[in-house]
N, C-alpha and C. Protein backbone atom coordinates (compact mmCIF):
# COMPACT_ATOMS: atom_id res chain seq x y z
N MET A 1 9.46 26.36 -38.47
CA MET A 1 9.03 26.26 -37.09
C MET A 1 9.07 24.81 -36.60
N GLU A 2 8.68 23.89 -37.48
CA GLU A 2 8.71 22.49 -37.08
C GLU A 2 10.13 22.00 -36.84
N SER A 3 11.08 22.53 -37.64
CA SER A 3 12.46 22.09 -37.44
C SER A 3 13.01 22.57 -36.10
N GLU A 4 12.56 23.76 -35.64
CA GLU A 4 12.99 24.24 -34.33
C GLU A 4 12.43 23.36 -33.23
N ARG A 5 11.16 22.98 -33.35
CA ARG A 5 10.56 22.12 -32.34
C ARG A 5 11.22 20.75 -32.30
N ALA A 6 11.58 20.25 -33.45
CA ALA A 6 12.24 18.96 -33.49
C ALA A 6 13.63 19.03 -32.86
N ALA A 7 14.25 20.20 -32.94
CA ALA A 7 15.59 20.36 -32.37
C ALA A 7 15.55 20.57 -30.86
N GLY A 8 14.36 20.72 -30.28
CA GLY A 8 14.25 20.85 -28.84
C GLY A 8 14.04 22.26 -28.37
N ALA A 9 13.88 23.22 -29.25
CA ALA A 9 13.64 24.60 -28.85
C ALA A 9 12.18 24.76 -28.46
N PRO A 10 11.87 25.56 -27.44
CA PRO A 10 10.49 25.76 -27.06
C PRO A 10 9.76 26.56 -28.11
N SER A 11 8.47 26.30 -28.24
CA SER A 11 7.68 27.03 -29.23
C SER A 11 7.29 28.38 -28.66
N SER A 12 6.73 29.21 -29.50
CA SER A 12 6.33 30.54 -29.07
C SER A 12 5.08 30.50 -28.20
N ALA A 13 4.45 29.35 -28.07
CA ALA A 13 3.24 29.24 -27.25
C ALA A 13 3.57 29.09 -25.77
N GLY A 14 4.85 29.17 -25.40
CA GLY A 14 5.22 29.11 -24.00
C GLY A 14 5.43 27.71 -23.48
N GLU A 15 5.64 26.76 -24.37
CA GLU A 15 5.89 25.39 -23.93
C GLU A 15 7.23 25.31 -23.22
N ALA A 16 7.31 24.45 -22.26
CA ALA A 16 8.56 24.24 -21.54
C ALA A 16 9.53 23.48 -22.43
N PRO A 17 10.83 23.71 -22.23
CA PRO A 17 11.80 22.93 -23.00
C PRO A 17 11.71 21.46 -22.62
N PRO A 18 12.18 20.58 -23.48
CA PRO A 18 12.11 19.16 -23.14
C PRO A 18 12.93 18.86 -21.89
N PRO A 19 12.57 17.83 -21.15
CA PRO A 19 13.31 17.51 -19.92
C PRO A 19 14.75 17.14 -20.23
N ARG A 20 15.62 17.48 -19.29
CA ARG A 20 17.03 17.17 -19.45
C ARG A 20 17.25 15.67 -19.29
N HIS A 21 18.35 15.21 -19.84
CA HIS A 21 18.71 13.81 -19.70
C HIS A 21 19.01 13.50 -18.24
N ARG A 22 18.36 12.49 -17.72
CA ARG A 22 18.59 12.12 -16.32
C ARG A 22 19.89 11.36 -16.20
N SER A 23 20.60 11.65 -15.15
CA SER A 23 21.90 11.03 -14.93
C SER A 23 21.80 10.02 -13.79
N SER A 24 22.63 9.01 -13.86
CA SER A 24 22.68 8.03 -12.78
C SER A 24 23.65 8.45 -11.68
N ALA A 25 24.26 9.64 -11.82
CA ALA A 25 25.25 10.08 -10.84
C ALA A 25 24.62 10.36 -9.48
N VAL A 26 23.40 10.88 -9.45
CA VAL A 26 22.76 11.20 -8.16
C VAL A 26 22.47 9.93 -7.35
N PRO A 27 21.79 8.94 -7.92
CA PRO A 27 21.57 7.73 -7.11
C PRO A 27 22.87 6.99 -6.78
N LEU A 28 23.84 7.05 -7.69
CA LEU A 28 25.12 6.40 -7.39
C LEU A 28 25.84 7.12 -6.24
N ALA A 29 25.75 8.44 -6.17
CA ALA A 29 26.36 9.18 -5.06
C ALA A 29 25.69 8.81 -3.74
N TRP A 30 24.37 8.69 -3.75
CA TRP A 30 23.66 8.28 -2.53
C TRP A 30 24.05 6.86 -2.13
N LEU A 31 24.15 5.98 -3.10
CA LEU A 31 24.54 4.60 -2.82
C LEU A 31 25.96 4.53 -2.26
N TYR A 32 26.86 5.32 -2.83
CA TYR A 32 28.24 5.34 -2.35
C TYR A 32 28.32 5.92 -0.94
N ALA A 33 27.48 6.95 -0.65
CA ALA A 33 27.44 7.50 0.71
C ALA A 33 26.97 6.44 1.70
N ALA A 34 25.97 5.66 1.32
CA ALA A 34 25.50 4.58 2.19
C ALA A 34 26.58 3.54 2.39
N LEU A 35 27.36 3.27 1.34
CA LEU A 35 28.46 2.32 1.45
C LEU A 35 29.54 2.83 2.41
N ILE A 36 29.80 4.13 2.38
CA ILE A 36 30.78 4.72 3.31
C ILE A 36 30.29 4.60 4.75
N VAL A 37 29.01 4.87 4.98
CA VAL A 37 28.45 4.73 6.33
C VAL A 37 28.53 3.28 6.79
N TYR A 38 28.18 2.36 5.91
CA TYR A 38 28.25 0.93 6.24
C TYR A 38 29.67 0.52 6.59
N ALA A 39 30.64 0.95 5.78
CA ALA A 39 32.03 0.58 6.02
C ALA A 39 32.56 1.24 7.29
N SER A 40 32.06 2.43 7.62
CA SER A 40 32.51 3.12 8.82
C SER A 40 32.01 2.44 10.09
N LEU A 41 30.88 1.77 10.02
CA LEU A 41 30.30 1.12 11.19
C LEU A 41 30.73 -0.34 11.36
N TYR A 42 31.47 -0.85 10.39
CA TYR A 42 31.92 -2.23 10.48
C TYR A 42 33.06 -2.32 11.49
N PRO A 43 33.19 -3.24 12.36
CA PRO A 43 32.28 -4.35 12.66
C PRO A 43 31.08 -3.88 13.47
N PHE A 44 29.99 -4.56 13.31
CA PHE A 44 28.75 -4.16 13.96
C PHE A 44 28.62 -4.70 15.38
N GLU A 45 29.53 -5.52 15.79
CA GLU A 45 29.46 -6.08 17.14
C GLU A 45 30.83 -6.03 17.80
N GLY A 46 30.84 -6.20 19.09
CA GLY A 46 32.10 -6.20 19.83
C GLY A 46 32.58 -4.80 20.19
N TRP A 47 31.71 -3.83 20.10
CA TRP A 47 32.10 -2.46 20.44
C TRP A 47 32.16 -2.32 21.95
N ARG A 48 33.04 -1.45 22.43
CA ARG A 48 33.12 -1.16 23.85
C ARG A 48 32.69 0.27 24.08
N ASN A 49 32.10 0.53 25.22
CA ASN A 49 31.68 1.87 25.57
C ASN A 49 32.87 2.61 26.18
N PRO A 50 33.39 3.65 25.51
CA PRO A 50 34.55 4.34 26.07
C PRO A 50 34.15 5.16 27.29
N ALA A 51 35.15 5.51 28.08
CA ALA A 51 34.90 6.25 29.31
C ALA A 51 34.74 7.75 29.05
N VAL A 52 34.85 8.19 27.81
CA VAL A 52 34.71 9.61 27.48
C VAL A 52 33.38 9.84 26.78
N GLY A 53 33.01 11.10 26.69
CA GLY A 53 31.77 11.45 26.03
C GLY A 53 31.85 11.27 24.52
N PRO A 54 30.70 11.20 23.84
CA PRO A 54 30.70 10.92 22.41
C PRO A 54 31.30 12.04 21.56
N LEU A 55 31.34 13.26 22.05
CA LEU A 55 31.88 14.38 21.27
C LEU A 55 33.19 14.92 21.84
N ASP A 56 33.78 14.22 22.79
CA ASP A 56 35.03 14.68 23.40
C ASP A 56 36.20 14.69 22.42
N PHE A 57 36.10 13.90 21.35
CA PHE A 57 37.20 13.87 20.38
C PHE A 57 37.34 15.20 19.66
N LEU A 58 36.32 16.03 19.67
CA LEU A 58 36.39 17.33 19.00
C LEU A 58 37.35 18.28 19.71
N ALA A 59 37.54 18.09 21.01
CA ALA A 59 38.41 18.98 21.78
C ALA A 59 39.85 18.48 21.83
N THR A 60 40.11 17.29 21.36
CA THR A 60 41.47 16.76 21.39
C THR A 60 42.22 17.16 20.12
N GLY A 61 43.51 17.01 20.14
CA GLY A 61 44.32 17.34 18.97
C GLY A 61 44.34 16.21 17.95
N TRP A 62 45.17 16.42 16.94
CA TRP A 62 45.34 15.39 15.92
C TRP A 62 46.09 14.21 16.52
N PRO A 63 45.96 13.03 15.93
CA PRO A 63 46.71 11.88 16.44
C PRO A 63 48.21 12.12 16.31
N ARG A 64 48.98 11.45 17.13
CA ARG A 64 50.43 11.63 17.13
C ARG A 64 51.07 11.06 15.86
N TYR A 65 50.44 10.11 15.27
CA TYR A 65 51.02 9.49 14.08
C TYR A 65 49.89 9.12 13.12
N TRP A 66 50.25 8.94 11.88
CA TRP A 66 49.36 8.39 10.87
C TRP A 66 50.19 7.50 9.98
N THR A 67 49.54 6.60 9.30
CA THR A 67 50.26 5.66 8.45
C THR A 67 49.90 5.92 7.00
N GLY A 68 50.73 5.43 6.13
CA GLY A 68 50.45 5.54 4.70
C GLY A 68 49.18 4.80 4.31
N PHE A 69 48.92 3.68 5.01
CA PHE A 69 47.69 2.94 4.74
C PHE A 69 46.46 3.79 5.03
N ASP A 70 46.50 4.55 6.13
CA ASP A 70 45.37 5.44 6.45
C ASP A 70 45.15 6.45 5.34
N LEU A 71 46.22 7.06 4.88
CA LEU A 71 46.12 8.08 3.85
C LEU A 71 45.59 7.49 2.54
N VAL A 72 46.16 6.39 2.10
CA VAL A 72 45.75 5.78 0.83
C VAL A 72 44.32 5.26 0.91
N SER A 73 43.96 4.62 2.01
CA SER A 73 42.61 4.07 2.11
C SER A 73 41.56 5.18 2.16
N ASN A 74 41.86 6.30 2.81
CA ASN A 74 40.93 7.42 2.81
C ASN A 74 40.82 8.06 1.44
N LEU A 75 41.93 8.20 0.74
CA LEU A 75 41.87 8.75 -0.62
C LEU A 75 41.07 7.84 -1.54
N LEU A 76 41.34 6.55 -1.49
CA LEU A 76 40.61 5.61 -2.34
C LEU A 76 39.14 5.49 -1.95
N GLY A 77 38.84 5.75 -0.70
CA GLY A 77 37.45 5.66 -0.25
C GLY A 77 36.62 6.89 -0.54
N TYR A 78 37.21 8.07 -0.37
CA TYR A 78 36.44 9.30 -0.48
C TYR A 78 36.58 10.01 -1.82
N LEU A 79 37.63 9.78 -2.56
CA LEU A 79 37.81 10.44 -3.85
C LEU A 79 36.70 10.07 -4.85
N PRO A 80 36.34 8.79 -4.99
CA PRO A 80 35.23 8.48 -5.90
C PRO A 80 33.91 9.13 -5.45
N PHE A 81 33.70 9.25 -4.16
CA PHE A 81 32.49 9.91 -3.67
C PHE A 81 32.47 11.38 -4.09
N GLY A 82 33.60 12.06 -3.95
CA GLY A 82 33.67 13.45 -4.37
C GLY A 82 33.44 13.62 -5.86
N VAL A 83 33.98 12.71 -6.65
CA VAL A 83 33.78 12.77 -8.10
C VAL A 83 32.31 12.55 -8.43
N LEU A 84 31.68 11.59 -7.79
CA LEU A 84 30.25 11.33 -8.04
C LEU A 84 29.38 12.52 -7.65
N VAL A 85 29.67 13.15 -6.52
CA VAL A 85 28.89 14.31 -6.10
C VAL A 85 29.10 15.47 -7.08
N PHE A 86 30.33 15.67 -7.53
CA PHE A 86 30.61 16.72 -8.51
C PHE A 86 29.83 16.47 -9.80
N ILE A 87 29.88 15.26 -10.32
CA ILE A 87 29.16 14.94 -11.55
C ILE A 87 27.66 15.11 -11.34
N ALA A 88 27.15 14.69 -10.18
CA ALA A 88 25.72 14.83 -9.91
C ALA A 88 25.31 16.30 -9.88
N LEU A 89 26.12 17.15 -9.27
CA LEU A 89 25.78 18.58 -9.22
C LEU A 89 25.82 19.21 -10.60
N VAL A 90 26.78 18.83 -11.40
CA VAL A 90 26.85 19.38 -12.76
C VAL A 90 25.67 18.89 -13.59
N ARG A 91 25.30 17.63 -13.46
CA ARG A 91 24.23 17.06 -14.28
C ARG A 91 22.84 17.60 -13.92
N VAL A 92 22.63 18.00 -12.66
CA VAL A 92 21.31 18.51 -12.29
C VAL A 92 21.16 19.99 -12.63
N GLY A 93 22.22 20.60 -13.16
CA GLY A 93 22.07 21.96 -13.65
C GLY A 93 22.99 22.98 -13.04
N HIS A 94 23.74 22.63 -12.03
CA HIS A 94 24.70 23.58 -11.48
C HIS A 94 25.90 23.62 -12.42
N GLY A 95 26.48 24.77 -12.58
CA GLY A 95 27.68 24.87 -13.40
C GLY A 95 28.87 24.27 -12.66
N THR A 96 29.97 24.13 -13.35
CA THR A 96 31.14 23.54 -12.71
C THR A 96 31.67 24.45 -11.61
N ALA A 97 31.55 25.77 -11.78
CA ALA A 97 32.01 26.68 -10.71
C ALA A 97 31.13 26.55 -9.48
N ALA A 98 29.83 26.42 -9.66
CA ALA A 98 28.92 26.27 -8.53
C ALA A 98 29.11 24.93 -7.85
N ALA A 99 29.50 23.91 -8.62
CA ALA A 99 29.70 22.57 -8.04
C ALA A 99 31.00 22.48 -7.27
N THR A 100 31.97 23.34 -7.59
CA THR A 100 33.26 23.26 -6.90
C THR A 100 33.39 24.24 -5.76
N TRP A 101 32.62 25.31 -5.76
CA TRP A 101 32.74 26.32 -4.71
C TRP A 101 31.37 26.61 -4.12
N PRO A 102 31.17 26.43 -2.80
CA PRO A 102 29.87 26.72 -2.21
C PRO A 102 29.54 28.21 -2.28
N SER A 103 28.29 28.49 -2.50
CA SER A 103 27.89 29.91 -2.58
C SER A 103 27.25 30.39 -1.31
């Protein structure tokens, strides 16, 4: 019985299993999200007030062109965030299927 307790199995008295190993993925994901917000708002001065409403861009189409720099910078910016969120979801107890597909 003592060897089972030492291995981390709950005892028959209804004790809870030992706490899971805490991961740094959750705080790192939050920190990376804050970094994305910060980078999205840069520069913080010199903004102009456009003549359209703040949500009018939702009714417009896609831009006429895009550049390779846009594609690469978005991949390099958001891919690590997705990986951190995936690792955080797996580490807090969601399975890999639950972390990849919303239920």
